[in-house]
Amino acid sequence: MVEKENKNRTKKHVLSKENNNLNNFKAMSDLTTEVINQIYEARNNENGVIGVPSEFTEIDKITSGWQPADFIIVAARPAMGKTAYALSIARNAAVDFKVPVAYFSLEMYAKEPVTRLISFESGIYTEKLRRGLLNNEEMHQVQSSITSLAEAPLFIDDTANLSVFELREKVLRLKTKHNIQLLIIDYLQLMQVDNESKIEAGTKEQEISIICRSLKSLAKELNIPIIALSQLSNSVEKRGGDYRPLLSDLNEMGNIVQHADMVQFICRPSYYGITKDEEGNSTEGVANIIISKHRNGSLRDIRLRYIDTLSKFDNFYNEDFY
C-alpha cells in the first residue's frame, strides 16, 4: 500500500514537472538583466563572493562561493578527512555567515558531527570530549564556545538508508520552513534508490548515477548548491606514486563526473608517508584540495591546513609550518 502511494506521488511529481517545463522559457532581456545584476553584485563585493562562502580564501577566489544550482562532488579515500572538510564548510557558512545549511549524515548519528563541531569551536581534542576527560577550565571553555554554534541555522539529519525521494521531501520542508541555502550529503554511496529504480539500474554503479542525476535536478529545482561526499576506490593506492586521485578513479564508482558541476579531491600526502612536496616543503598538516572539474571556472590545487587532533580544515599559511 505504502509502495503504491509512493509511486502515485512520484507520478504526480513527474506530471507536475512536465507541465512546469512548458513554461520554462525566459526572455533574453530578463536573462541579461539577471546576469548584469550578478556582475554588479560580484563587483561590489570585496572578495567577489556571490554564492555561499566556504571561508577558505583560495577556494572562494575560484568559485566565488558555492553557486546556486551547482552539484559538487568531494571525493577521497578513507581517512583523508571528507567529513571534517564537509563539517568545516557547514560550520563556516552557518556560524560565521548565518547561512541556513542542511547536513545529512548517513554514516554517523547526529551527536558525532556535533561533537566534532564543538571540538572546532572549543579547540579541545575530539577524543577528550568523547571520553569526558575535561578539567573545570576546559569544561568552562566548552560551555562558553558553543553559544554561536547553538544559535547557528545548521540542521542535521542522521536518517540511515535514506532514499533520494525521502531526501527531497525532507529538503523541501526545510527549504519552506528555514530557507535552506546549502545542502551537504555525507556520503553518496550510502544513499538508496527506490525499488523500481533499483531494478532498472541493475548495478550499484548505475544506482549511483541515478542518485547523482536526481541530486543535480534537486539543486536546480531549489536553486541551491548541493555538496555530496564520495568514497574513492583503492585504485589510488594501487597506482602509488604521489597518490593523487584522478577523475577516472571516481568513475569506477559510477557515472558521477558527468552530472557534477565541480569535482574536488582531498589528498593528504603525509598519510602516505610523503614528508616533502615537489618544492621540498613539509607536508605535515597539509591537505591538498584538487579541483579536477569545474564547469564555470579554473582547475587548481589548493593547500589547506588540516588539524588532525580537531579533525578540522582551515586556511593554510606558510608561517604556520616553515
C-alpha atoms as a PDB file:
ATOM      1  CA  MET A   1       0.000   0.000   0.000  1.00  0.00           C
ATOM      2  CA  VAL A   2       2.819   2.395   1.007  1.00  0.00           C
ATOM      3  CA  GLU A   3       4.778   1.497  -2.128  1.00  0.00           C
ATOM      4  CA  LYS A   4       1.698   2.209  -4.291  1.00  0.00           C
ATOM      5  CA  GLU A   5       1.238   5.620  -2.617  1.00  0.00           C
ATOM      6  CA  ASN A   6       4.896   6.447  -3.234  1.00  0.00           C
ATOM      7  CA  LYS A   7       4.536   5.536  -6.918  1.00  0.00           C
ATOM      8  CA  ASN A   8       1.430   7.733  -7.231  1.00  0.00           C
ATOM      9  CA  ARG A   9       3.213  10.659  -5.602  1.00  0.00           C
ATOM     10  CA  THR A  10       6.220  10.164  -7.876  1.00  0.00           C
ATOM     11  CA  LYS A  11       3.920  10.041 -10.943  1.00  0.00           C
ATOM     12  CA  LYS A  12       2.157  13.261  -9.878  1.00  0.00           C
ATOM     13  CA  HIS A  13       5.550  14.917  -9.368  1.00  0.00           C
ATOM     14  CA  VAL A  14       6.685  13.882 -12.859  1.00  0.00           C
ATOM     15  CA  LEU A  15       3.485  15.203 -14.440  1.00  0.00           C
ATOM     16  CA  SER A  16       3.799  18.446 -12.492  1.00  0.00           C
ATOM     17  CA  LYS A  17       7.390  18.868 -13.687  1.00  0.00           C
ATOM     18  CA  GLU A  18       6.367  18.194 -17.287  1.00  0.00           C
ATOM     19  CA  ASN A  19       3.698  20.914 -17.071  1.00  0.00           C
ATOM     20  CA  ASN A  20       6.161  23.344 -15.495  1.00  0.00           C
ATOM     21  CA  ASN A  21       8.735  22.605 -18.204  1.00  0.00           C
ATOM     22  CA  LEU A  22       6.330  24.001 -20.815  1.00  0.00           C
ATOM     23  CA  ASN A  23       6.706  27.436 -19.201  1.00  0.00           C
ATOM     24  CA  ASN A  24      10.477  27.417 -18.666  1.00  0.00           C
ATOM     25  CA  PHE A  25      11.382  29.799 -21.489  1.00  0.00           C
ATOM     26  CA  LYS A  26      12.909  33.105 -20.377  1.00  0.00           C
ATOM     27  CA  ALA A  27      13.207  36.249 -22.468  1.00  0.00           C
ATOM     28  CA  MET A  28      16.757  37.363 -23.300  1.00  0.00           C
ATOM     29  CA  SER A  29      16.010  40.804 -21.827  1.00  0.00           C
ATOM     30  CA  ASP A  30      15.231  39.197 -18.440  1.00  0.00           C
ATOM     31  CA  LEU A  31      18.282  36.929 -18.567  1.00  0.00           C
ATOM     32  CA  THR A  32      20.725  39.718 -19.454  1.00  0.00           C
ATOM     33  CA  THR A  33      19.329  41.820 -16.599  1.00  0.00           C
ATOM     34  CA  GLU A  34      19.862  38.927 -14.167  1.00  0.00           C
ATOM     35  CA  VAL A  35      23.451  38.408 -15.337  1.00  0.00           C
ATOM     36  CA  ILE A  36      24.301  42.139 -15.189  1.00  0.00           C
ATOM     37  CA  ASN A  37      22.890  42.323 -11.655  1.00  0.00           C
ATOM     38  CA  GLN A  38      25.066  39.342 -10.705  1.00  0.00           C
ATOM     39  CA  ILE A  39      28.137  41.073 -12.170  1.00  0.00           C
ATOM     40  CA  TYR A  40      27.356  44.224 -10.171  1.00  0.00           C
ATOM     41  CA  GLU A  41      26.935  42.136  -7.017  1.00  0.00           C
ATOM     42  CA  ALA A  42      30.344  40.495  -7.536  1.00  0.00           C
ATOM     43  CA  ARG A  43      31.926  43.862  -8.385  1.00  0.00           C
ATOM     44  CA  ASN A  44      30.609  45.463  -5.210  1.00  0.00           C
ATOM     45  CA  ASN A  45      31.690  42.525  -3.042  1.00  0.00           C
ATOM     46  CA  GLU A  46      35.223  42.973  -1.760  1.00  0.00           C
ATOM     47  CA  ASN A  47      36.049  39.265  -2.117  1.00  0.00           C
ATOM     48  CA  GLY A  48      33.949  38.634  -5.228  1.00  0.00           C
ATOM     49  CA  VAL A  49      31.929  36.032  -3.299  1.00  0.00           C
ATOM     50  CA  ILE A  50      28.332  35.986  -4.504  1.00  0.00           C
ATOM     51  CA  GLY A  51      27.462  32.411  -3.526  1.00  0.00           C
ATOM     52  CA  VAL A  52      27.628  30.651  -0.146  1.00  0.00           C
ATOM     53  CA  PRO A  53      31.104  31.382   1.287  1.00  0.00           C
ATOM     54  CA  SER A  54      33.334  28.453   2.192  1.00  0.00           C
ATOM     55  CA  GLU A  55      35.619  30.855   4.103  1.00  0.00           C
ATOM     56  CA  PHE A  56      38.566  29.034   2.523  1.00  0.00           C
ATOM     57  CA  THR A  57      40.131  32.036   0.814  1.00  0.00           C
ATOM     58  CA  GLU A  58      41.712  30.352  -2.200  1.00  0.00           C
ATOM     59  CA  ILE A  59      38.662  28.180  -2.870  1.00  0.00           C
ATOM     60  CA  ASP A  60      36.320  31.195  -2.719  1.00  0.00           C
ATOM     61  CA  LYS A  61      38.555  33.028  -5.211  1.00  0.00           C
ATOM     62  CA  ILE A  62      37.940  30.260  -7.746  1.00  0.00           C
ATOM     63  CA  THR A  63      34.279  29.526  -7.021  1.00  0.00           C
ATOM     64  CA  SER A  64      33.023  32.961  -5.872  1.00  0.00           C
ATOM     65  CA  GLY A  65      31.349  30.874  -3.183  1.00  0.00           C
ATOM     66  CA  TRP A  66      29.246  27.735  -3.661  1.00  0.00           C
ATOM     67  CA  GLN A  67      26.922  28.660  -6.519  1.00  0.00           C
ATOM     68  CA  PRO A  68      23.135  28.120  -6.686  1.00  0.00           C
ATOM     69  CA  ALA A  69      22.056  25.024  -8.655  1.00  0.00           C
ATOM     70  CA  ASP A  70      25.599  23.572  -8.639  1.00  0.00           C
ATOM     71  CA  PHE A  71      26.151  19.908  -7.804  1.00  0.00           C
ATOM     72  CA  ILE A  72      29.580  19.491  -6.206  1.00  0.00           C
ATOM     73  CA  ILE A  73      31.339  16.201  -5.537  1.00  0.00           C
ATOM     74  CA  VAL A  74      34.023  15.992  -2.834  1.00  0.00           C
ATOM     75  CA  ALA A  75      35.793  12.646  -3.115  1.00  0.00           C
ATOM     76  CA  ALA A  76      38.653  10.957  -1.291  1.00  0.00           C
ATOM     77  CA  ARG A  77      39.951   7.699   0.088  1.00  0.00           C
ATOM     78  CA  PRO A  78      39.066   6.829   3.714  1.00  0.00           C
ATOM     79  CA  ALA A  79      40.917   8.809   6.419  1.00  0.00           C
ATOM     80  CA  MET A  80      41.586  11.800   4.146  1.00  0.00           C
ATOM     81  CA  GLY A  81      39.107  13.975   6.066  1.00  0.00           C
ATOM     82  CA  LYS A  82      35.965  14.113   3.893  1.00  0.00           C
ATOM     83  CA  THR A  83      33.617  14.534   6.851  1.00  0.00           C
ATOM     84  CA  ALA A  84      35.956  17.032   8.539  1.00  0.00           C
ATOM     85  CA  TYR A  85      36.040  19.105   5.338  1.00  0.00           C
ATOM     86  CA  ALA A  86      32.249  18.957   4.923  1.00  0.00           C
ATOM     87  CA  LEU A  87      31.658  19.930   8.571  1.00  0.00           C
ATOM     88  CA  SER A  88      34.135  22.797   8.223  1.00  0.00           C
ATOM     89  CA  ILE A  89      32.158  24.037   5.204  1.00  0.00           C
ATOM     90  CA  ALA A  90      28.844  23.680   7.056  1.00  0.00           C
ATOM     91  CA  ARG A  91      30.187  25.364  10.183  1.00  0.00           C
ATOM     92  CA  ASN A  92      31.731  28.304   8.311  1.00  0.00           C
ATOM     93  CA  ALA A  93      28.520  29.012   6.394  1.00  0.00           C
ATOM     94  CA  ALA A  94      26.094  28.577   9.300  1.00  0.00           C
ATOM     95  CA  VAL A  95      28.106  30.053  12.188  1.00  0.00           C
ATOM     96  CA  ASP A  96      30.089  32.844  10.526  1.00  0.00           C
ATOM     97  CA  PHE A  97      27.596  33.918   7.847  1.00  0.00           C
ATOM     98  CA  LYS A  98      24.270  32.712   9.287  1.00  0.00           C
ATOM     99  CA  VAL A  99      23.518  30.813   6.064  1.00  0.00           C
ATOM    100  CA  PRO A 100      20.933  28.053   6.675  1.00  0.00           C
ATOM    101  CA  VAL A 101      22.563  24.671   5.991  1.00  0.00           C
ATOM    102  CA  ALA A 102      21.105  21.157   5.862  1.00  0.00           C
ATOM    103  CA  TYR A 103      23.600  18.390   6.678  1.00  0.00           C
ATOM    104  CA  PHE A 104      22.617  14.777   6.048  1.00  0.00           C
ATOM    105  CA  SER A 105      24.822  12.373   7.991  1.00  0.00           C
ATOM    106  CA  LEU A 106      24.087   8.930   6.595  1.00  0.00           C
ATOM    107  CA  GLU A 107      27.024   7.222   8.308  1.00  0.00           C
ATOM    108  CA  MET A 108      27.060   8.747  11.813  1.00  0.00           C
ATOM    109  CA  TYR A 109      24.481   9.585  14.457  1.00  0.00           C
ATOM    110  CA  ALA A 110      23.877  13.335  14.725  1.00  0.00           C
ATOM    111  CA  LYS A 111      25.731  13.538  18.061  1.00  0.00           C
ATOM    112  CA  GLU A 112      29.014  12.578  16.362  1.00  0.00           C
ATOM    113  CA  PRO A 113      29.233  15.526  13.931  1.00  0.00           C
ATOM    114  CA  VAL A 114      28.004  17.829  16.721  1.00  0.00           C
ATOM    115  CA  THR A 115      30.839  16.605  18.961  1.00  0.00           C
ATOM    116  CA  ARG A 116      33.281  17.410  16.175  1.00  0.00           C
ATOM    117  CA  LEU A 117      31.767  20.870  15.754  1.00  0.00           C
ATOM    118  CA  ILE A 118      32.134  21.535  19.488  1.00  0.00           C
ATOM    119  CA  SER A 119      35.775  20.483  19.133  1.00  0.00           C
ATOM    120  CA  PHE A 120      36.148  23.021  16.295  1.00  0.00           C
ATOM    121  CA  GLU A 121      34.740  25.809  18.462  1.00  0.00           C
ATOM    122  CA  SER A 122      36.442  24.991  21.755  1.00  0.00           C
ATOM    123  CA  GLY A 123      39.823  23.825  20.450  1.00  0.00           C
ATOM    124  CA  ILE A 124      39.625  20.746  22.673  1.00  0.00           C
ATOM    125  CA  TYR A 125      40.516  17.386  21.152  1.00  0.00           C
ATOM    126  CA  THR A 126      37.545  15.326  19.985  1.00  0.00           C
ATOM    127  CA  GLU A 127      38.786  12.277  21.892  1.00  0.00           C
ATOM    128  CA  LYS A 128      38.822  14.211  25.173  1.00  0.00           C
ATOM    129  CA  LEU A 129      35.277  15.414  24.550  1.00  0.00           C
ATOM    130  CA  ARG A 130      34.026  11.901  23.818  1.00  0.00           C
ATOM    131  CA  ARG A 131      35.594  10.476  26.976  1.00  0.00           C
ATOM    132  CA  GLY A 132      34.683  13.447  29.146  1.00  0.00           C
ATOM    133  CA  LEU A 133      38.298  13.913  30.230  1.00  0.00           C
ATOM    134  CA  LEU A 134      37.926  17.630  30.910  1.00  0.00           C
ATOM    135  CA  ASN A 135      39.046  19.699  33.872  1.00  0.00           C
ATOM    136  CA  ASN A 136      36.945  22.602  35.148  1.00  0.00           C
ATOM    137  CA  GLU A 137      38.739  25.150  32.968  1.00  0.00           C
ATOM    138  CA  GLU A 138      38.203  23.046  29.825  1.00  0.00           C
ATOM    139  CA  MET A 139      34.547  22.479  30.716  1.00  0.00           C
ATOM    140  CA  HIS A 140      34.104  26.238  31.016  1.00  0.00           C
ATOM    141  CA  GLN A 141      35.889  26.612  27.677  1.00  0.00           C
ATOM    142  CA  VAL A 142      33.373  24.242  26.061  1.00  0.00           C
ATOM    143  CA  GLN A 143      30.360  25.985  27.585  1.00  0.00           C
ATOM    144  CA  SER A 144      31.490  29.448  26.533  1.00  0.00           C
ATOM    145  CA  SER A 145      32.394  28.408  22.985  1.00  0.00           C
ATOM    146  CA  ILE A 146      29.151  26.719  21.933  1.00  0.00           C
ATOM    147  CA  THR A 147      26.808  29.716  22.085  1.00  0.00           C
ATOM    148  CA  SER A 148      27.396  30.682  18.457  1.00  0.00           C
ATOM    149  CA  LEU A 149      27.145  27.025  17.421  1.00  0.00           C
ATOM    150  CA  ALA A 150      23.868  26.507  19.280  1.00  0.00           C
ATOM    151  CA  GLU A 151      22.379  29.573  17.557  1.00  0.00           C
ATOM    152  CA  ALA A 152      23.592  28.632  14.067  1.00  0.00           C
ATOM    153  CA  PRO A 153      20.966  27.747  11.392  1.00  0.00           C
ATOM    154  CA  LEU A 154      22.500  24.294  10.889  1.00  0.00           C
ATOM    155  CA  PHE A 155      20.098  21.336  10.636  1.00  0.00           C
ATOM    156  CA  ILE A 156      21.442  17.774  10.901  1.00  0.00           C
ATOM    157  CA  ASP A 157      19.553  14.674   9.785  1.00  0.00           C
ATOM    158  CA  ASP A 158      21.026  11.248  10.591  1.00  0.00           C
ATOM    159  CA  THR A 159      18.449   9.016   8.870  1.00  0.00           C
ATOM    160  CA  ALA A 160      20.123   5.796   7.702  1.00  0.00           C
ATOM    161  CA  ASN A 161      19.485   4.238   4.274  1.00  0.00           C
ATOM    162  CA  LEU A 162      17.968   7.488   3.026  1.00  0.00           C
ATOM    163  CA  SER A 163      16.448   7.389  -0.453  1.00  0.00           C
ATOM    164  CA  VAL A 164      16.572  10.221  -2.975  1.00  0.00           C
ATOM    165  CA  PHE A 165      12.785  10.571  -2.701  1.00  0.00           C
ATOM    166  CA  GLU A 166      12.925  10.853   1.117  1.00  0.00           C
ATOM    167  CA  LEU A 167      15.802  13.323   0.901  1.00  0.00           C
ATOM    168  CA  ARG A 168      13.859  15.530  -1.493  1.00  0.00           C
ATOM    169  CA  GLU A 169      10.792  15.547   0.778  1.00  0.00           C
ATOM    170  CA  LYS A 170      12.890  16.487   3.817  1.00  0.00           C
ATOM    171  CA  VAL A 171      14.811  19.226   1.993  1.00  0.00           C
ATOM    172  CA  LEU A 172      11.619  20.733   0.539  1.00  0.00           C
ATOM    173  CA  ARG A 173      10.249  21.061   4.076  1.00  0.00           C
ATOM    174  CA  LEU A 174      13.499  22.627   5.295  1.00  0.00           C
ATOM    175  CA  LYS A 175      13.528  24.995   2.324  1.00  0.00           C
ATOM    176  CA  THR A 176       9.978  26.116   3.062  1.00  0.00           C
ATOM    177  CA  LYS A 177      10.455  26.453   6.813  1.00  0.00           C
ATOM    178  CA  HIS A 178      14.077  27.642   7.105  1.00  0.00           C
ATOM    179  CA  ASN A 179      15.047  28.765   3.559  1.00  0.00           C
ATOM    180  CA  ILE A 180      17.960  26.338   3.309  1.00  0.00           C
ATOM    181  CA  GLN A 181      20.764  27.745   1.128  1.00  0.00           C
ATOM    182  CA  LEU A 182      23.220  24.820   1.174  1.00  0.00           C
ATOM    183  CA  LEU A 183      22.760  21.051   1.290  1.00  0.00           C
ATOM    184  CA  ILE A 184      25.566  18.643   2.248  1.00  0.00           C
ATOM    185  CA  ILE A 185      25.315  14.838   1.995  1.00  0.00           C
ATOM    186  CA  ASP A 186      27.740  12.528   3.828  1.00  0.00           C
ATOM    187  CA  TYR A 187      28.012  10.362   1.848  1.00  0.00           C
ATOM    188  CA  LEU A 188      26.848   9.438  -1.664  1.00  0.00           C
ATOM    189  CA  GLN A 189      27.365   5.653  -1.668  1.00  0.00           C
ATOM    190  CA  LEU A 190      25.103   5.266   1.384  1.00  0.00           C
ATOM    191  CA  MET A 191      22.075   6.731  -0.381  1.00  0.00           C
ATOM    192  CA  GLN A 192      19.354   4.479  -1.763  1.00  0.00           C
ATOM    193  CA  VAL A 193      17.086   4.444  -4.802  1.00  0.00           C
ATOM    194  CA  ASP A 194      13.500   3.184  -4.826  1.00  0.00           C
ATOM    195  CA  ASN A 195      12.803  -0.435  -5.773  1.00  0.00           C
ATOM    196  CA  GLU A 196      11.717   0.443  -9.303  1.00  0.00           C
ATOM    197  CA  SER A 197      14.929   2.385  -9.975  1.00  0.00           C
ATOM    198  CA  LYS A 198      16.988  -0.390  -8.370  1.00  0.00           C
ATOM    199  CA  ILE A 199      15.567  -2.930 -10.803  1.00  0.00           C
ATOM    200  CA  GLU A 200      16.064  -0.530 -13.704  1.00  0.00           C
ATOM    201  CA  ALA A 201      19.682   0.193 -12.698  1.00  0.00           C
ATOM    202  CA  GLY A 202      20.822  -3.392 -12.252  1.00  0.00           C
ATOM    203  CA  THR A 203      24.190  -2.465 -10.704  1.00  0.00           C
ATOM    204  CA  LYS A 204      25.333  -0.311  -7.799  1.00  0.00           C
ATOM    205  CA  GLU A 205      27.283   1.888 -10.239  1.00  0.00           C
ATOM    206  CA  GLN A 206      24.100   2.640 -12.185  1.00  0.00           C
ATOM    207  CA  GLU A 207      22.250   3.344  -8.935  1.00  0.00           C
ATOM    208  CA  ILE A 208      24.892   5.944  -8.049  1.00  0.00           C
ATOM    209  CA  SER A 209      24.443   7.507 -11.477  1.00  0.00           C
ATOM    210  CA  ILE A 210      20.660   7.756 -10.911  1.00  0.00           C
ATOM    211  CA  ILE A 211      21.247   9.324  -7.474  1.00  0.00           C
ATOM    212  CA  CYS A 212      23.678  11.900  -8.924  1.00  0.00           C
ATOM    213  CA  ARG A 213      21.267  12.813 -11.707  1.00  0.00           C
ATOM    214  CA  SER A 214      18.481  13.252  -9.136  1.00  0.00           C
ATOM    215  CA  LEU A 215      20.658  15.423  -6.880  1.00  0.00           C
ATOM    216  CA  LYS A 216      21.644  17.663  -9.778  1.00  0.00           C
ATOM    217  CA  SER A 217      17.938  18.069 -10.625  1.00  0.00           C
ATOM    218  CA  LEU A 218      17.181  18.897  -6.981  1.00  0.00           C
ATOM    219  CA  ALA A 219      19.936  21.532  -6.930  1.00  0.00           C
ATOM    220  CA  LYS A 220      18.369  23.204  -9.962  1.00  0.00           C
ATOM    221  CA  GLU A 221      14.828  22.872  -8.614  1.00  0.00           C
ATOM    222  CA  LEU A 222      15.678  24.539  -5.285  1.00  0.00           C
ATOM    223  CA  ASN A 223      18.368  26.801  -6.757  1.00  0.00           C
ATOM    224  CA  ILE A 224      20.869  25.886  -4.031  1.00  0.00           C
ATOM    225  CA  PRO A 225      24.314  24.268  -4.125  1.00  0.00           C
ATOM    226  CA  ILE A 226      24.446  20.596  -3.151  1.00  0.00           C
ATOM    227  CA  ILE A 227      27.716  19.103  -1.935  1.00  0.00           C
ATOM    228  CA  ALA A 228      27.906  15.302  -1.872  1.00  0.00           C
ATOM    229  CA  LEU A 229      30.828  13.367  -0.410  1.00  0.00           C
ATOM    230  CA  SER A 230      32.011  10.269  -2.214  1.00  0.00           C
ATOM    231  CA  GLN A 231      34.344   7.390  -1.459  1.00  0.00           C
ATOM    232  CA  LEU A 232      37.084   6.533  -3.937  1.00  0.00           C
ATOM    233  CA  SER A 233      38.152   3.042  -4.944  1.00  0.00           C
ATOM    234  CA  ASN A 234      41.527   1.661  -3.851  1.00  0.00           C
ATOM    235  CA  SER A 235      42.916   2.217  -7.356  1.00  0.00           C
ATOM    236  CA  VAL A 236      44.550   5.345  -5.881  1.00  0.00           C
ATOM    237  CA  GLU A 237      46.740   3.226  -3.593  1.00  0.00           C
ATOM    238  CA  LYS A 238      47.359   0.618  -6.278  1.00  0.00           C
ATOM    239  CA  ARG A 239      48.697   3.292  -8.621  1.00  0.00           C
ATOM    240  CA  GLY A 240      51.104   4.600  -5.979  1.00  0.00           C
ATOM    241  CA  GLY A 241      53.402   7.497  -6.862  1.00  0.00           C
ATOM    242  CA  ASP A 242      52.081  10.710  -5.307  1.00  0.00           C
ATOM    243  CA  TYR A 243      48.680   9.071  -4.620  1.00  0.00           C
ATOM    244  CA  ARG A 244      46.929  11.870  -6.466  1.00  0.00           C
ATOM    245  CA  PRO A 245      43.278  10.949  -7.243  1.00  0.00           C
ATOM    246  CA  LEU A 246      42.060  11.176 -10.835  1.00  0.00           C
ATOM    247  CA  LEU A 247      38.592  11.578 -12.350  1.00  0.00           C
ATOM    248  CA  SER A 248      38.883   8.008 -13.652  1.00  0.00           C
ATOM    249  CA  ASP A 249      39.073   6.800 -10.020  1.00  0.00           C
ATOM    250  CA  LEU A 250      35.717   8.428  -9.371  1.00  0.00           C
ATOM    251  CA  ASN A 251      34.054   6.973 -12.453  1.00  0.00           C
ATOM    252  CA  GLU A 252      34.818   3.473 -11.215  1.00  0.00           C
ATOM    253  CA  MET A 253      32.146   4.158  -8.586  1.00  0.00           C
ATOM    254  CA  GLY A 254      29.509   5.059 -11.188  1.00  0.00           C
ATOM    255  CA  ASN A 255      28.966   7.753 -13.779  1.00  0.00           C
ATOM    256  CA  ILE A 256      29.446  10.532 -11.229  1.00  0.00           C
ATOM    257  CA  VAL A 257      31.617  13.023 -13.090  1.00  0.00           C
ATOM    258  CA  GLN A 258      29.079  13.540 -15.884  1.00  0.00           C
ATOM    259  CA  HIS A 259      26.474  15.005 -13.510  1.00  0.00           C
ATOM    260  CA  ALA A 260      28.798  17.137 -11.365  1.00  0.00           C
ATOM    261  CA  ASP A 261      29.437  20.831 -11.948  1.00  0.00           C
ATOM    262  CA  MET A 262      32.549  20.583  -9.819  1.00  0.00           C
ATOM    263  CA  VAL A 263      34.708  17.720  -8.564  1.00  0.00           C
ATOM    264  CA  GLN A 264      37.137  18.196  -5.686  1.00  0.00           C
ATOM    265  CA  PHE A 265      39.521  15.576  -4.359  1.00  0.00           C
ATOM    266  CA  ILE A 266      41.159  15.595  -0.930  1.00  0.00           C
ATOM    267  CA  CYS A 267      44.666  14.189  -0.582  1.00  0.00           C
ATOM    268  CA  ARG A 268      46.944  14.328   2.467  1.00  0.00           C
ATOM    269  CA  PRO A 269      50.439  13.263   1.346  1.00  0.00           C
ATOM    270  CA  SER A 270      51.722  12.777   4.912  1.00  0.00           C
ATOM    271  CA  TYR A 271      49.154   9.988   5.389  1.00  0.00           C
ATOM    272  CA  TYR A 272      51.065   8.016   2.746  1.00  0.00           C
ATOM    273  CA  GLY A 273      54.450   8.756   4.309  1.00  0.00           C
ATOM    274  CA  ILE A 274      55.323  11.534   1.845  1.00  0.00           C
ATOM    275  CA  THR A 275      57.104  14.117   4.010  1.00  0.00           C
ATOM    276  CA  LYS A 276      58.089  16.682   1.336  1.00  0.00           C
ATOM    277  CA  ASP A 277      56.285  18.116  -1.674  1.00  0.00           C
ATOM    278  CA  GLU A 278      57.850  18.746  -5.106  1.00  0.00           C
ATOM    279  CA  GLU A 279      59.289  22.052  -3.881  1.00  0.00           C
ATOM    280  CA  GLY A 280      60.825  20.493  -0.797  1.00  0.00           C
ATOM    281  CA  ASN A 281      58.257  21.897   1.637  1.00  0.00           C
ATOM    282  CA  SER A 282      56.991  19.861   4.568  1.00  0.00           C
ATOM    283  CA  THR A 283      53.646  18.118   4.035  1.00  0.00           C
ATOM    284  CA  GLU A 284      52.916  17.819   7.756  1.00  0.00           C
ATOM    285  CA  GLY A 285      49.416  19.148   8.445  1.00  0.00           C
ATOM    286  CA  VAL A 286      48.818  19.856   4.756  1.00  0.00           C
ATOM    287  CA  ALA A 287      45.717  18.803   2.818  1.00  0.00           C
ATOM    288  CA  ASN A 288      45.577  19.284  -0.937  1.00  0.00           C
ATOM    289  CA  ILE A 289      42.165  20.170  -2.352  1.00  0.00           C
ATOM    290  CA  ILE A 290      42.384  19.212  -6.014  1.00  0.00           C
ATOM    291  CA  ILE A 291      39.763  20.824  -8.253  1.00  0.00           C
ATOM    292  CA  SER A 292      39.691  18.398 -11.201  1.00  0.00           C
ATOM    293  CA  LYS A 293      36.441  19.503 -12.815  1.00  0.00           C
ATOM    294  CA  HIS A 294      34.852  22.944 -12.800  1.00  0.00           C
ATOM    295  CA  ARG A 295      32.248  23.804 -15.400  1.00  0.00           C
ATOM    296  CA  ASN A 296      32.344  27.511 -14.609  1.00  0.00           C
ATOM    297  CA  GLY A 297      35.944  28.170 -13.670  1.00  0.00           C
ATOM    298  CA  SER A 298      39.555  27.107 -13.496  1.00  0.00           C
ATOM    299  CA  LEU A 299      41.183  23.922 -12.235  1.00  0.00           C
ATOM    300  CA  ARG A 300      43.674  24.245  -9.399  1.00  0.00           C
ATOM    301  CA  ASP A 301      45.330  22.564  -6.452  1.00  0.00           C
ATOM    302  CA  ILE A 302      44.754  24.399  -3.173  1.00  0.00           C
ATOM    303  CA  ARG A 303      46.544  23.731   0.087  1.00  0.00           C
ATOM    304  CA  LEU A 304      44.559  23.846   3.308  1.00  0.00           C
ATOM    305  CA  ARG A 305      45.671  23.293   6.851  1.00  0.00           C
ATOM    306  CA  TYR A 306      44.438  20.028   8.377  1.00  0.00           C
ATOM    307  CA  ILE A 307      44.407  19.952  12.182  1.00  0.00           C
ATOM    308  CA  ASP A 308      44.368  16.234  12.912  1.00  0.00           C
ATOM    309  CA  THR A 309      43.607  16.481  16.648  1.00  0.00           C
ATOM    310  CA  LEU A 310      40.489  18.559  15.936  1.00  0.00           C
ATOM    311  CA  SER A 311      39.608  16.900  12.593  1.00  0.00           C
ATOM    312  CA  LYS A 312      39.338  20.411  11.214  1.00  0.00           C
ATOM    313  CA  PHE A 313      40.273  22.229   7.998  1.00  0.00           C
ATOM    314  CA  ASP A 314      41.460  25.825   7.956  1.00  0.00           C
ATOM    315  CA  ASN A 315      43.182  28.275   5.640  1.00  0.00           C
ATOM    316  CA  PHE A 316      46.828  27.465   5.046  1.00  0.00           C
ATOM    317  CA  TYR A 317      49.543  29.975   5.881  1.00  0.00           C
ATOM    318  CA  ASN A 318      53.201  29.242   5.219  1.00  0.00           C
ATOM    319  CA  GLU A 319      54.334  30.739   8.521  1.00  0.00           C
ATOM    320  CA  ASP A 320      52.351  28.096  10.383  1.00  0.00           C
ATOM    321  CA  PHE A 321      54.602  25.390   9.037  1.00  0.00           C
ATOM    322  CA  TYR A 322      58.003  26.712   7.999  1.00  0.00           C
END
